[in-house]
Amino acid sequence: MSDTAETWKKRVASWRASGQTAEEFSEGQPWSPKTLRWWSSRLGRSAASKPPIVRVAQLVRSPAAERGAVIVEALDARVRVTVEAGAPADTVAAVLEILVRREAL
């Protein structure tokens, strides 16, 4: 996404969160309400053209879980990860990051 689109994405999100009309939100700004609505529409169309990402995971009960371990099963990727009790948080984060990157391929 270009810098311009990123800027407008933030503006549109702020506008939506404000609860104001396009006219109210644009007052005193260097853009018109028409431009704000156009970018809102454009960004909405580009988001709608991308297929949704569905991530499904569940925590699984097992004898290992009774010892303080956690099992995360990513159903759509057919992956099961057991995190033993006391595992360093950075290690767990690294494993989850690898799974997310793998899913994006």
N, C-alpha and C. Protein backbone atom coordinates (compact mmCIF):
# COMPACT_ATOMS: atom_id res chain seq x y z
N MET A 1 0.86 -1.18 0.00
CA MET A 1 0.00 0.00 0.00
C MET A 1 0.90 1.23 0.00
N SER A 2 0.55 2.20 -0.81
CA SER A 2 1.36 3.42 -0.91
C SER A 2 1.24 4.26 0.36
N ASP A 3 2.18 5.20 0.51
CA ASP A 3 2.14 6.11 1.67
C ASP A 3 0.84 6.91 1.69
N THR A 4 0.40 7.33 0.51
CA THR A 4 -0.84 8.09 0.41
C THR A 4 -2.02 7.26 0.90
N ALA A 5 -2.09 6.01 0.43
CA ALA A 5 -3.19 5.13 0.84
C ALA A 5 -3.14 4.85 2.34
N GLU A 6 -1.94 4.68 2.88
CA GLU A 6 -1.79 4.45 4.33
C GLU A 6 -2.27 5.67 5.11
N THR A 7 -1.92 6.86 4.63
CA THR A 7 -2.36 8.09 5.29
C THR A 7 -3.88 8.16 5.28
N TRP A 8 -4.48 7.88 4.13
CA TRP A 8 -5.94 7.95 4.04
C TRP A 8 -6.62 6.83 4.83
N LYS A 9 -5.98 5.70 4.91
CA LYS A 9 -6.53 4.60 5.72
C LYS A 9 -6.67 5.05 7.18
N LYS A 10 -5.65 5.73 7.68
CA LYS A 10 -5.68 6.24 9.05
C LYS A 10 -6.74 7.33 9.21
N ARG A 11 -6.83 8.22 8.22
CA ARG A 11 -7.83 9.28 8.29
C ARG A 11 -9.25 8.71 8.28
N VAL A 12 -9.48 7.76 7.39
CA VAL A 12 -10.81 7.15 7.30
C VAL A 12 -11.15 6.41 8.60
N ALA A 13 -10.18 5.70 9.16
CA ALA A 13 -10.42 4.99 10.43
C ALA A 13 -10.75 5.99 11.54
N SER A 14 -10.01 7.10 11.58
CA SER A 14 -10.28 8.13 12.59
C SER A 14 -11.67 8.73 12.40
N TRP A 15 -12.03 8.96 11.14
CA TRP A 15 -13.36 9.49 10.84
C TRP A 15 -14.44 8.52 11.31
N ARG A 16 -14.30 7.26 10.97
CA ARG A 16 -15.30 6.25 11.35
C ARG A 16 -15.41 6.16 12.88
N ALA A 17 -14.29 6.22 13.56
CA ALA A 17 -14.29 6.12 15.03
C ALA A 17 -14.89 7.37 15.68
N SER A 18 -14.85 8.50 14.97
CA SER A 18 -15.32 9.76 15.56
C SER A 18 -16.84 9.83 15.66
N GLY A 19 -17.53 9.12 14.79
CA GLY A 19 -18.99 9.20 14.77
C GLY A 19 -19.51 10.46 14.08
N GLN A 20 -18.62 11.25 13.54
CA GLN A 20 -19.00 12.49 12.88
C GLN A 20 -19.38 12.24 11.42
N THR A 21 -20.10 13.19 10.84
CA THR A 21 -20.34 13.14 9.41
C THR A 21 -19.04 13.49 8.69
N ALA A 22 -19.00 13.21 7.39
CA ALA A 22 -17.80 13.57 6.61
C ALA A 22 -17.58 15.07 6.63
N GLU A 23 -18.68 15.82 6.60
CA GLU A 23 -18.58 17.28 6.63
C GLU A 23 -18.00 17.77 7.96
N GLU A 24 -18.48 17.22 9.06
CA GLU A 24 -17.98 17.62 10.39
C GLU A 24 -16.51 17.26 10.55
N PHE A 25 -16.15 16.05 10.16
CA PHE A 25 -14.77 15.58 10.32
C PHE A 25 -13.80 16.37 9.43
N SER A 26 -14.25 16.77 8.26
CA SER A 26 -13.38 17.44 7.30
C SER A 26 -13.23 18.94 7.55
N GLU A 27 -14.08 19.47 8.42
CA GLU A 27 -14.04 20.91 8.68
C GLU A 27 -12.65 21.33 9.19
N GLY A 28 -12.07 22.31 8.52
CA GLY A 28 -10.76 22.83 8.90
C GLY A 28 -9.59 21.96 8.44
N GLN A 29 -9.88 20.90 7.73
CA GLN A 29 -8.82 20.01 7.23
C GLN A 29 -8.48 20.36 5.79
N PRO A 30 -7.30 19.94 5.31
CA PRO A 30 -6.91 20.26 3.93
C PRO A 30 -7.52 19.32 2.89
N TRP A 31 -8.67 18.70 3.20
CA TRP A 31 -9.36 17.84 2.23
C TRP A 31 -10.86 18.12 2.35
N SER A 32 -11.57 17.73 1.32
CA SER A 32 -13.02 17.95 1.31
C SER A 32 -13.73 16.69 1.80
N PRO A 33 -14.98 16.85 2.24
CA PRO A 33 -15.76 15.67 2.62
C PRO A 33 -15.90 14.67 1.47
N LYS A 34 -16.00 15.20 0.25
CA LYS A 34 -16.12 14.34 -0.93
C LYS A 34 -14.87 13.46 -1.08
N THR A 35 -13.70 14.03 -0.86
CA THR A 35 -12.45 13.27 -0.95
C THR A 35 -12.39 12.20 0.15
N LEU A 36 -12.82 12.57 1.34
CA LEU A 36 -12.84 11.61 2.46
C LEU A 36 -13.75 10.43 2.13
N ARG A 37 -14.94 10.72 1.61
CA ARG A 37 -15.87 9.63 1.24
C ARG A 37 -15.31 8.79 0.10
N TRP A 38 -14.63 9.41 -0.88
CA TRP A 38 -14.04 8.68 -1.99
C TRP A 38 -12.98 7.69 -1.49
N TRP A 39 -12.09 8.18 -0.61
CA TRP A 39 -11.06 7.29 -0.07
C TRP A 39 -11.68 6.18 0.77
N SER A 40 -12.71 6.48 1.51
CA SER A 40 -13.39 5.46 2.30
C SER A 40 -13.93 4.37 1.38
N SER A 41 -14.54 4.77 0.29
CA SER A 41 -15.07 3.82 -0.68
C SER A 41 -13.95 3.02 -1.35
N ARG A 42 -12.90 3.70 -1.76
CA ARG A 42 -11.78 3.03 -2.44
C ARG A 42 -11.12 2.00 -1.52
N LEU A 43 -10.86 2.39 -0.29
CA LEU A 43 -10.22 1.47 0.64
C LEU A 43 -11.14 0.30 0.98
N GLY A 44 -12.42 0.55 1.04
CA GLY A 44 -13.38 -0.52 1.29
C GLY A 44 -13.42 -1.52 0.15
N ARG A 45 -13.34 -1.02 -1.09
CA ARG A 45 -13.33 -1.90 -2.26
C ARG A 45 -12.08 -2.75 -2.29
N SER A 46 -10.92 -2.16 -1.98
CA SER A 46 -9.68 -2.94 -2.03
C SER A 46 -9.66 -4.00 -0.94
N ALA A 47 -10.24 -3.70 0.22
CA ALA A 47 -10.30 -4.69 1.30
C ALA A 47 -11.27 -5.81 0.94
N ALA A 48 -12.36 -5.46 0.26
CA ALA A 48 -13.36 -6.46 -0.11
C ALA A 48 -12.86 -7.38 -1.21
N SER A 49 -11.88 -6.93 -2.01
CA SER A 49 -11.40 -7.75 -3.11
C SER A 49 -10.43 -8.84 -2.65
N LYS A 50 -9.93 -8.73 -1.43
CA LYS A 50 -9.02 -9.74 -0.91
C LYS A 50 -9.81 -10.81 -0.18
N PRO A 51 -9.46 -12.08 -0.39
CA PRO A 51 -10.17 -13.12 0.35
C PRO A 51 -9.86 -13.03 1.83
N PRO A 52 -10.83 -13.34 2.67
CA PRO A 52 -10.57 -13.26 4.11
C PRO A 52 -9.57 -14.32 4.55
N ILE A 53 -8.77 -13.98 5.54
CA ILE A 53 -7.83 -14.93 6.12
C ILE A 53 -8.53 -15.58 7.30
N VAL A 54 -8.60 -16.89 7.26
CA VAL A 54 -9.26 -17.62 8.33
C VAL A 54 -8.20 -18.41 9.08
N ARG A 55 -8.08 -18.13 10.35
CA ARG A 55 -7.13 -18.85 11.18
C ARG A 55 -7.91 -19.53 12.29
N VAL A 56 -7.77 -20.82 12.37
CA VAL A 56 -8.48 -21.56 13.39
C VAL A 56 -7.46 -22.31 14.23
N ALA A 57 -7.55 -22.13 15.52
CA ALA A 57 -6.66 -22.83 16.44
C ALA A 57 -7.46 -23.18 17.67
N GLN A 58 -7.02 -24.19 18.36
CA GLN A 58 -7.68 -24.55 19.60
C GLN A 58 -6.64 -25.02 20.60
N LEU A 59 -6.97 -24.85 21.86
CA LEU A 59 -6.14 -25.40 22.93
C LEU A 59 -6.66 -26.81 23.19
N VAL A 60 -5.74 -27.74 23.31
CA VAL A 60 -6.11 -29.15 23.46
C VAL A 60 -5.78 -29.61 24.87
N ARG A 61 -6.71 -30.28 25.50
CA ARG A 61 -6.47 -30.87 26.83
C ARG A 61 -5.76 -32.21 26.62
N SER A 62 -4.76 -32.44 27.41
CA SER A 62 -4.03 -33.70 27.33
C SER A 62 -3.30 -33.91 28.65
N PRO A 63 -2.74 -35.10 28.85
CA PRO A 63 -1.95 -35.30 30.07
C PRO A 63 -0.81 -34.29 30.19
N ALA A 64 -0.25 -33.88 29.06
CA ALA A 64 0.83 -32.88 29.11
C ALA A 64 0.30 -31.56 29.66
N ALA A 65 -0.96 -31.22 29.32
CA ALA A 65 -1.54 -29.98 29.81
C ALA A 65 -1.69 -30.00 31.32
N GLU A 66 -1.92 -31.16 31.87
CA GLU A 66 -2.05 -31.28 33.32
C GLU A 66 -0.73 -30.97 34.02
N ARG A 67 0.38 -31.13 33.32
CA ARG A 67 1.69 -30.83 33.91
C ARG A 67 2.08 -29.38 33.67
N GLY A 68 1.16 -28.58 33.13
CA GLY A 68 1.44 -27.17 32.90
C GLY A 68 1.79 -26.83 31.47
N ALA A 69 1.83 -27.82 30.58
CA ALA A 69 2.11 -27.54 29.18
C ALA A 69 0.83 -27.10 28.49
N VAL A 70 1.00 -26.40 27.40
CA VAL A 70 -0.14 -25.97 26.59
C VAL A 70 0.08 -26.51 25.18
N ILE A 71 -0.97 -27.05 24.60
CA ILE A 71 -0.90 -27.53 23.22
C ILE A 71 -1.77 -26.60 22.38
N VAL A 72 -1.19 -26.04 21.33
CA VAL A 72 -1.93 -25.20 20.39
C VAL A 72 -2.01 -25.98 19.09
N GLU A 73 -3.22 -26.19 18.61
CA GLU A 73 -3.42 -26.95 17.39
C GLU A 73 -4.01 -26.02 16.34
N ALA A 74 -3.25 -25.74 15.28
CA ALA A 74 -3.74 -24.91 14.18
C ALA A 74 -4.44 -25.83 13.20
N LEU A 75 -5.75 -25.84 13.23
CA LEU A 75 -6.53 -26.82 12.49
C LEU A 75 -6.39 -26.67 10.98
N ASP A 76 -6.41 -25.43 10.48
CA ASP A 76 -6.35 -25.25 9.04
C ASP A 76 -4.96 -25.55 8.47
N ALA A 77 -3.94 -25.52 9.30
CA ALA A 77 -2.58 -25.80 8.85
C ALA A 77 -2.12 -27.20 9.23
N ARG A 78 -2.96 -27.92 9.97
CA ARG A 78 -2.63 -29.26 10.46
C ARG A 78 -1.30 -29.27 11.21
N VAL A 79 -1.20 -28.36 12.15
CA VAL A 79 0.01 -28.23 12.95
C VAL A 79 -0.37 -28.33 14.41
N ARG A 80 0.45 -29.02 15.18
CA ARG A 80 0.25 -29.11 16.63
C ARG A 80 1.56 -28.76 17.31
N VAL A 81 1.49 -27.80 18.23
CA VAL A 81 2.67 -27.36 18.96
C VAL A 81 2.41 -27.55 20.44
N THR A 82 3.34 -28.20 21.12
CA THR A 82 3.24 -28.35 22.57
C THR A 82 4.25 -27.41 23.20
N VAL A 83 3.74 -26.56 24.09
CA VAL A 83 4.60 -25.61 24.78
C VAL A 83 4.68 -26.08 26.23
N GLU A 84 5.85 -26.50 26.62
CA GLU A 84 6.03 -27.00 27.98
C GLU A 84 5.98 -25.86 28.98
N ALA A 85 5.55 -26.18 30.17
CA ALA A 85 5.51 -25.20 31.26
C ALA A 85 6.90 -24.61 31.46
N GLY A 86 6.97 -23.32 31.62
CA GLY A 86 8.24 -22.65 31.87
C GLY A 86 9.02 -22.32 30.61
N ALA A 87 8.45 -22.60 29.43
CA ALA A 87 9.15 -22.27 28.19
C ALA A 87 9.33 -20.76 28.10
N PRO A 88 10.49 -20.30 27.65
CA PRO A 88 10.71 -18.86 27.54
C PRO A 88 9.71 -18.21 26.57
N ALA A 89 9.19 -17.07 26.94
CA ALA A 89 8.18 -16.39 26.13
C ALA A 89 8.71 -16.07 24.73
N ASP A 90 10.00 -15.71 24.62
CA ASP A 90 10.54 -15.38 23.30
C ASP A 90 10.59 -16.61 22.39
N THR A 91 10.79 -17.78 22.98
CA THR A 91 10.78 -19.02 22.20
C THR A 91 9.38 -19.31 21.68
N VAL A 92 8.39 -19.17 22.54
CA VAL A 92 7.00 -19.38 22.14
C VAL A 92 6.62 -18.39 21.05
N ALA A 93 7.00 -17.12 21.22
CA ALA A 93 6.69 -16.10 20.22
C ALA A 93 7.35 -16.43 18.88
N ALA A 94 8.57 -16.93 18.91
CA ALA A 94 9.27 -17.29 17.67
C ALA A 94 8.57 -18.43 16.96
N VAL A 95 8.12 -19.43 17.70
CA VAL A 95 7.40 -20.56 17.10
C VAL A 95 6.11 -20.08 16.46
N LEU A 96 5.35 -19.25 17.17
CA LEU A 96 4.10 -18.75 16.62
C LEU A 96 4.34 -17.88 15.38
N GLU A 97 5.41 -17.09 15.39
CA GLU A 97 5.75 -16.27 14.23
C GLU A 97 6.06 -17.15 13.02
N ILE A 98 6.78 -18.23 13.22
CA ILE A 98 7.08 -19.17 12.12
C ILE A 98 5.79 -19.75 11.56
N LEU A 99 4.87 -20.12 12.43
CA LEU A 99 3.59 -20.68 11.97
C LEU A 99 2.79 -19.65 11.17
N VAL A 100 2.79 -18.41 11.63
CA VAL A 100 2.07 -17.36 10.90
C VAL A 100 2.69 -17.14 9.53
N ARG A 101 4.01 -17.07 9.46
CA ARG A 101 4.69 -16.88 8.16
C ARG A 101 4.43 -18.06 7.24
N ARG A 102 4.45 -19.27 7.80
CA ARG A 102 4.21 -20.49 7.01
C ARG A 102 2.82 -20.46 6.40
N GLU A 103 1.85 -19.99 7.19
CA GLU A 103 0.47 -19.93 6.74
C GLU A 103 0.31 -18.91 5.61
N ALA A 104 1.11 -17.84 5.63
CA ALA A 104 0.99 -16.79 4.65
C ALA A 104 1.56 -17.22 3.29
N LEU A 105 2.36 -18.26 3.26
CA LEU A 105 2.97 -18.69 1.98
C LEU A 105 1.98 -19.30 1.04
